[in-house]
Structure formats: structure tokens, C-alpha cells
Amino acid sequence: MIKITVCLLTYNSARTLEAVLAPVFQFADQVIVLDSGSNDATLSVCRQYGIEPRYCPYEMHGKQMNNAIALAEHDWVFCLDSDEILDEATITYLRRLKDSPAPLPPEQAWCISRYWYVLGEQVQTIYPVSSPDYPVRLFNRTVARFNDRPVDDEVTGPVLTQIIPGHVRHDTFYSLHEMFSKMNAYTTRLVRFRKIRPSLLRGVISAIGAFFKWYLMSGAWRQGKVGAATGLYATLYSFLKYFKAWYQQSDK
């Protein structure tokens, strides 16, 4: 039998937080909430569940997850974002896993099947991933941790992975404002922490390629307004990372 600490990151997460927390208490031995300065009802929702959130300024997702993991009482950690909602099949599997009498090798890890929802609708693609994707979320912290990539970080270490049955609803981008606000934050972080070649021409070419791949070829055009929003997101994201690098260089 193992004990699991759930590590949950929050920032103005009241919209989905109750739906995220309720399933977690069916298998978690400890819940760590690491908040990065919420000013909505996030903290009060946590306290309704008997959780006192910890505060840590946000830099990057992977670093924030590692900060939460460091607070865990148990070596087996299940990492979750505040817009990821577990289904019953996932919860049932995790409860059976906890009750297994055989010890689990520390190099074993588990991925979730994560289905992406944009503006309330399930989508097949959202730049730069296809849905579902399969991030590692349950692992032993003595052998694995999140890397420090500024965007699209992942768990690294000598782990052997398998997929948990069921699926997780990733209820991202609930409004156009949130979609483009996050796009702005992601591209700024990319330029700050990763070497992006400053070039307007590369930006234009990349944007055109993204439009064809992530809107036309992916079939996003079939989803009406939501598909148009995801196609525009991919196009602008691809252009902005090069434009911001070019603008930053020009400013210097």
C-alpha cells in the first residue's frame, strides 16, 4: 500500500476548483495547494475543504510544481492543475493502486489521458498539442521531477510509464480573454527564457504554417467559432514569439 500526496497549483481558480478538489479527496492522503496570489474565491474554496493554501510567487509551471512537491509528506505524488477534472475511472484505478499489497518500484510512473476543452467544447488540437495528450502525473519524487522548460514542461527521470484508465477533462481557456491573455504570457516567457531567433520573416512563415497545420489540416475548421479561435491562437502564437524576440532586439 502506498500513500499519495496530491500537489495542486492554483491562481484565480475558483471557477473549476470545487470540481477539481471533490474527486481528489477520494484517494489523496494529503493535499498540497500552492497558490501564486489569487484574488478571487480560490482561497476560501480551499478552506471549505480544510486546506490551508501555501503561497509562492509564480515563475514557471515546472518550477512551481517542484516547489509544491517539496512540501509533500509522501514520496508518491500526483500533480494536478486547477483546471483538470478527474473522472470516476481514474479515481477508481488510483484507489486500487493505493490498496495494492505489493510495493511499487520507485521508477514506475503513470500518465493521465488528458482531453482538452476550449470555450466549453472538446477539441482535437490546441497548439502545440493534440488531444488527448498523456502527461506523467503520478510518480515517486525521489527519482523524478519536472524540468525547467518555460512552456510545455514535463516530468523527467528514469521512469517507466503506463496510462491510467479513464480520462481527465482539461477545462482550459473558458473565455477569449483568458485564451489571448495566456498566449501573451506564454510567448513572453518563451522569449525571456529560451533563445528565439529574432526574425519577422520567420514569424510570418511560422504563422502561415501554423494556420495550415492547426486550423485547416487538423480539421479545426469543422468546429465553427471554437475551431476559428484555436486556429487564430495557433497562428498568433507562432508569429508573436518571433515578433517579440525581434522587437526586443530592436529596442536594445
Protein backbone atom coordinates (compact mmCIF):
# COMPACT_ATOMS: atom_id res chain seq x y z
CA MET A 1 0.00 0.00 0.00
CA ILE A 2 1.24 3.50 -0.81
CA LYS A 3 0.31 6.96 0.35
CA ILE A 4 -0.21 9.73 -2.18
CA THR A 5 0.18 13.47 -1.83
CA VAL A 6 -1.77 15.50 -4.39
CA CYS A 7 0.07 18.65 -5.44
CA LEU A 8 -2.28 21.26 -6.89
CA LEU A 9 -1.36 24.64 -8.37
CA THR A 10 -3.85 27.50 -8.25
CA TYR A 11 -4.22 31.07 -9.42
CA ASN A 12 -7.69 32.62 -9.57
CA SER A 13 -9.05 29.10 -9.94
CA ALA A 14 -12.43 29.41 -8.22
CA ARG A 15 -14.32 28.68 -11.46
CA THR A 16 -13.25 24.99 -11.55
CA LEU A 17 -11.70 24.38 -8.16
CA GLU A 18 -14.60 22.60 -6.46
CA ALA A 19 -14.95 20.18 -9.40
CA VAL A 20 -11.20 19.51 -9.18
CA LEU A 21 -10.98 19.09 -5.40
CA ALA A 22 -14.00 16.86 -4.76
CA PRO A 23 -12.63 13.79 -6.61
CA VAL A 24 -9.14 14.26 -5.16
CA PHE A 25 -10.30 13.53 -1.60
CA GLN A 26 -11.41 10.05 -2.67
CA PHE A 27 -7.79 8.86 -2.90
CA ALA A 28 -5.42 11.51 -1.53
CA ASP A 29 -3.66 11.08 1.83
CA GLN A 30 -2.53 14.70 1.71
CA VAL A 31 -3.43 17.67 -0.49
CA ILE A 32 -0.95 20.49 -1.04
CA VAL A 33 -2.31 23.64 -2.71
CA LEU A 34 0.35 26.07 -3.85
CA ASP A 35 -1.19 29.39 -4.81
CA SER A 36 0.55 32.20 -6.66
CA GLY A 37 -1.53 35.15 -5.47
CA SER A 38 -5.21 34.54 -6.18
CA ASN A 39 -7.59 37.44 -5.61
CA ASP A 40 -10.85 35.62 -6.34
CA ALA A 41 -12.58 32.98 -4.17
CA THR A 42 -9.83 30.37 -4.62
CA LEU A 43 -8.51 30.54 -1.06
CA SER A 44 -11.97 30.37 0.53
CA VAL A 45 -12.88 27.31 -1.60
CA CYS A 46 -9.70 25.58 -0.40
CA ARG A 47 -10.54 26.36 3.22
CA GLN A 48 -14.03 24.89 2.76
CA TYR A 49 -12.22 21.61 2.09
CA GLY A 50 -9.96 22.01 5.10
CA ILE A 51 -6.92 23.05 3.07
CA GLU A 52 -4.73 25.99 4.00
CA PRO A 53 -3.07 27.05 0.73
CA ARG A 54 0.63 27.87 0.68
CA TYR A 55 1.86 30.91 -1.22
CA CYS A 56 4.73 31.00 -3.71
CA PRO A 57 5.32 33.63 -6.44
CA TYR A 58 4.94 32.11 -9.91
CA GLU A 59 7.86 31.91 -12.31
CA MET A 60 7.35 28.78 -14.42
CA HIS A 61 4.95 25.85 -14.20
CA GLY A 62 7.61 23.18 -13.74
CA LYS A 63 9.41 25.12 -11.02
CA GLN A 64 6.12 25.79 -9.23
CA MET A 65 5.24 22.08 -9.32
CA ASN A 66 8.65 21.20 -7.90
CA ASN A 67 8.07 23.72 -5.11
CA ALA A 68 4.77 22.01 -4.27
CA ILE A 69 6.36 18.56 -4.41
CA ALA A 70 9.00 19.67 -1.91
CA LEU A 71 6.19 20.30 0.63
CA ALA A 72 4.75 16.77 0.33
CA GLU A 73 4.82 14.37 3.27
CA HIS A 74 4.85 11.32 0.98
CA ASP A 75 7.21 10.34 -1.85
CA TRP A 76 4.41 9.31 -4.22
CA VAL A 77 2.92 12.50 -5.65
CA PHE A 78 0.03 13.13 -8.02
CA CYS A 79 0.40 16.51 -9.72
CA LEU A 80 -2.66 18.39 -10.90
CA ASP A 81 -3.57 21.78 -12.31
CA SER A 82 -6.65 23.61 -11.12
CA ASP A 83 -8.48 23.14 -14.45
CA GLU A 84 -8.05 19.34 -14.64
CA ILE A 85 -11.06 17.31 -13.52
CA LEU A 86 -10.66 13.58 -12.83
CA ASP A 87 -13.33 11.10 -13.91
CA GLU A 88 -14.60 8.11 -11.93
CA ALA A 89 -12.49 5.53 -13.81
CA THR A 90 -9.31 7.43 -12.96
CA ILE A 91 -10.27 7.70 -9.30
CA THR A 92 -11.18 4.01 -9.07
CA TYR A 93 -7.84 3.00 -10.55
CA LEU A 94 -5.91 5.23 -8.15
CA ARG A 95 -7.76 3.81 -5.15
CA ARG A 96 -6.99 0.25 -6.24
CA LEU A 97 -3.38 1.18 -6.81
CA LYS A 98 -3.12 2.54 -3.29
CA ASP A 99 -4.57 -0.68 -1.84
CA SER A 100 -2.16 -2.97 -3.71
CA PRO A 101 -0.22 -5.03 -1.14
CA ALA A 102 2.87 -5.29 -3.35
CA PRO A 103 5.38 -2.44 -3.05
CA LEU A 104 5.68 -0.24 -6.12
CA PRO A 105 9.11 0.27 -7.68
CA PRO A 106 10.10 3.95 -7.41
CA GLU A 107 10.91 4.13 -11.11
CA GLN A 108 7.28 3.34 -12.03
CA ALA A 109 5.16 6.31 -13.11
CA TRP A 110 1.69 6.86 -14.54
CA CYS A 111 0.29 9.14 -17.23
CA ILE A 112 -3.20 10.58 -17.43
CA SER A 113 -5.33 10.70 -20.57
CA ARG A 114 -5.99 14.42 -20.79
CA TYR A 115 -8.77 15.70 -23.05
CA TRP A 116 -8.67 19.41 -23.84
CA TYR A 117 -11.73 21.65 -23.70
CA VAL A 118 -11.67 25.18 -25.14
CA LEU A 119 -14.55 27.63 -24.57
CA GLY A 120 -16.55 24.73 -23.16
CA GLU A 121 -16.12 22.38 -26.14
CA GLN A 122 -13.84 19.38 -26.54
CA VAL A 123 -11.22 19.96 -29.24
CA GLN A 124 -8.90 17.68 -31.19
CA THR A 125 -5.95 20.07 -31.20
CA ILE A 126 -4.79 23.14 -29.35
CA TYR A 127 -1.39 24.45 -30.36
CA PRO A 128 1.08 22.85 -29.81
CA VAL A 129 -0.58 19.57 -28.67
CA SER A 130 -3.16 17.10 -29.91
CA SER A 131 -5.97 15.97 -27.65
CA PRO A 132 -5.74 13.72 -25.78
CA ASP A 133 -2.18 14.05 -24.61
CA TYR A 134 -0.59 11.90 -21.92
CA PRO A 135 1.45 13.83 -19.34
CA VAL A 136 3.09 11.98 -16.45
CA ARG A 137 1.27 12.94 -13.25
CA LEU A 138 1.82 10.16 -10.68
CA PHE A 139 5.44 9.38 -9.81
CA ASN A 140 7.93 8.97 -7.00
CA ARG A 141 9.64 12.24 -6.21
CA THR A 142 12.87 10.50 -5.22
CA VAL A 143 13.59 9.62 -8.86
CA ALA A 144 11.67 12.16 -10.98
CA ARG A 145 10.79 15.85 -11.10
CA PHE A 146 9.55 18.48 -13.54
CA ASN A 147 12.06 20.06 -15.90
CA ASP A 148 12.55 23.81 -16.20
CA ARG A 149 11.21 24.42 -19.71
CA PRO A 150 9.45 27.82 -19.79
CA VAL A 151 6.43 26.34 -21.61
CA ASP A 152 5.23 22.74 -22.04
CA ASP A 153 7.33 21.37 -19.19
CA GLU A 154 7.24 17.68 -18.36
CA VAL A 155 8.33 15.12 -15.79
CA THR A 156 11.84 13.80 -16.33
CA GLY A 157 13.77 10.99 -14.69
CA PRO A 158 14.43 7.25 -15.05
CA VAL A 159 10.76 6.30 -15.06
CA LEU A 160 8.73 3.56 -16.75
CA THR A 161 5.27 4.85 -17.63
CA GLN A 162 1.82 3.40 -18.14
CA ILE A 163 -1.50 5.11 -18.76
CA ILE A 164 -4.18 5.34 -16.09
CA PRO A 165 -7.60 4.15 -17.34
CA GLY A 166 -10.23 6.83 -17.70
CA HIS A 167 -9.63 10.41 -18.68
CA VAL A 168 -9.12 13.89 -17.31
CA ARG A 169 -11.08 16.89 -18.55
CA HIS A 170 -8.69 19.80 -19.07
CA ASP A 171 -11.08 22.73 -18.99
CA THR A 172 -8.71 25.35 -20.35
CA PHE A 173 -9.45 28.74 -21.93
CA TYR A 174 -13.01 29.35 -20.75
CA SER A 175 -13.13 32.76 -22.47
CA LEU A 176 -11.44 34.54 -25.36
CA HIS A 177 -9.92 36.98 -22.88
CA GLU A 178 -8.25 34.14 -20.96
CA MET A 179 -7.08 32.48 -24.18
CA PHE A 180 -5.26 35.52 -25.50
CA SER A 181 -4.05 36.63 -22.08
CA LYS A 182 -2.34 33.26 -21.58
CA MET A 183 -0.97 33.33 -25.13
CA ASN A 184 0.64 36.66 -24.34
CA ALA A 185 2.13 35.30 -21.11
CA TYR A 186 3.41 32.09 -22.75
CA THR A 187 5.12 33.86 -25.66
CA THR A 188 6.70 36.43 -23.35
CA ARG A 189 8.05 33.61 -21.17
CA LEU A 190 9.44 31.82 -24.23
CA VAL A 191 11.36 34.89 -25.36
CA ARG A 192 12.65 35.52 -21.86
CA PHE A 193 13.87 32.01 -21.03
CA ARG A 194 14.56 30.39 -24.41
CA LYS A 195 16.72 31.54 -27.27
CA ILE A 196 14.34 32.56 -30.09
CA ARG A 197 15.92 33.82 -33.31
CA PRO A 198 14.58 37.37 -33.84
CA SER A 199 13.08 37.50 -37.34
CA LEU A 200 9.88 38.97 -38.72
CA LEU A 201 10.15 36.76 -41.79
CA ARG A 202 10.40 33.60 -39.67
CA GLY A 203 7.40 34.84 -37.73
CA VAL A 204 5.29 35.26 -40.87
CA ILE A 205 6.34 31.88 -42.29
CA SER A 206 5.72 30.17 -38.95
CA ALA A 207 2.28 31.78 -38.64
CA ILE A 208 1.26 30.67 -42.14
CA GLY A 209 2.45 27.14 -41.42
CA ALA A 210 0.58 27.07 -38.11
CA PHE A 211 -2.62 28.23 -39.79
CA PHE A 212 -2.48 25.40 -42.33
CA LYS A 213 -1.47 22.73 -39.81
CA TRP A 214 -3.53 23.65 -36.76
CA TYR A 215 -6.67 25.02 -38.45
CA LEU A 216 -7.05 23.53 -41.92
CA MET A 217 -5.23 20.18 -41.79
CA SER A 218 -6.27 19.40 -38.19
CA GLY A 219 -9.94 19.82 -39.09
CA ALA A 220 -10.46 22.58 -36.53
CA TRP A 221 -12.45 24.48 -39.17
CA ARG A 222 -15.27 21.98 -38.64
CA GLN A 223 -15.86 23.30 -35.10
CA GLY A 224 -17.15 26.71 -36.08
CA LYS A 225 -16.34 29.53 -33.67
CA VAL A 226 -14.28 27.36 -31.32
CA GLY A 227 -12.24 25.99 -34.21
CA ALA A 228 -11.68 29.51 -35.52
CA ALA A 229 -10.49 30.59 -32.06
CA THR A 230 -8.00 27.71 -31.77
CA GLY A 231 -6.77 28.33 -35.32
CA LEU A 232 -6.24 32.01 -34.59
CA TYR A 233 -4.49 31.10 -31.34
CA ALA A 234 -2.00 28.86 -33.17
CA THR A 235 -1.39 31.47 -35.87
CA LEU A 236 -0.81 34.38 -33.50
CA TYR A 237 1.24 32.31 -31.05
CA SER A 238 3.58 31.22 -33.84
CA PHE A 239 4.02 34.79 -35.03
CA LEU A 240 4.28 36.52 -31.65
CA LYS A 241 7.21 34.53 -30.29
CA TYR A 242 9.37 35.69 -33.23
CA PHE A 243 7.91 39.21 -33.27
CA LYS A 244 8.59 39.72 -29.57
CA ALA A 245 12.17 38.49 -29.98
CA TRP A 246 12.63 40.87 -32.94
CA TYR A 247 11.04 43.78 -31.08
CA GLN A 248 13.16 43.14 -28.01
CA GLN A 249 16.35 43.09 -30.09
CA SER A 250 15.33 46.25 -31.96
CA ASP A 251 14.57 48.01 -28.68
CA LYS A 252 18.02 47.17 -27.36
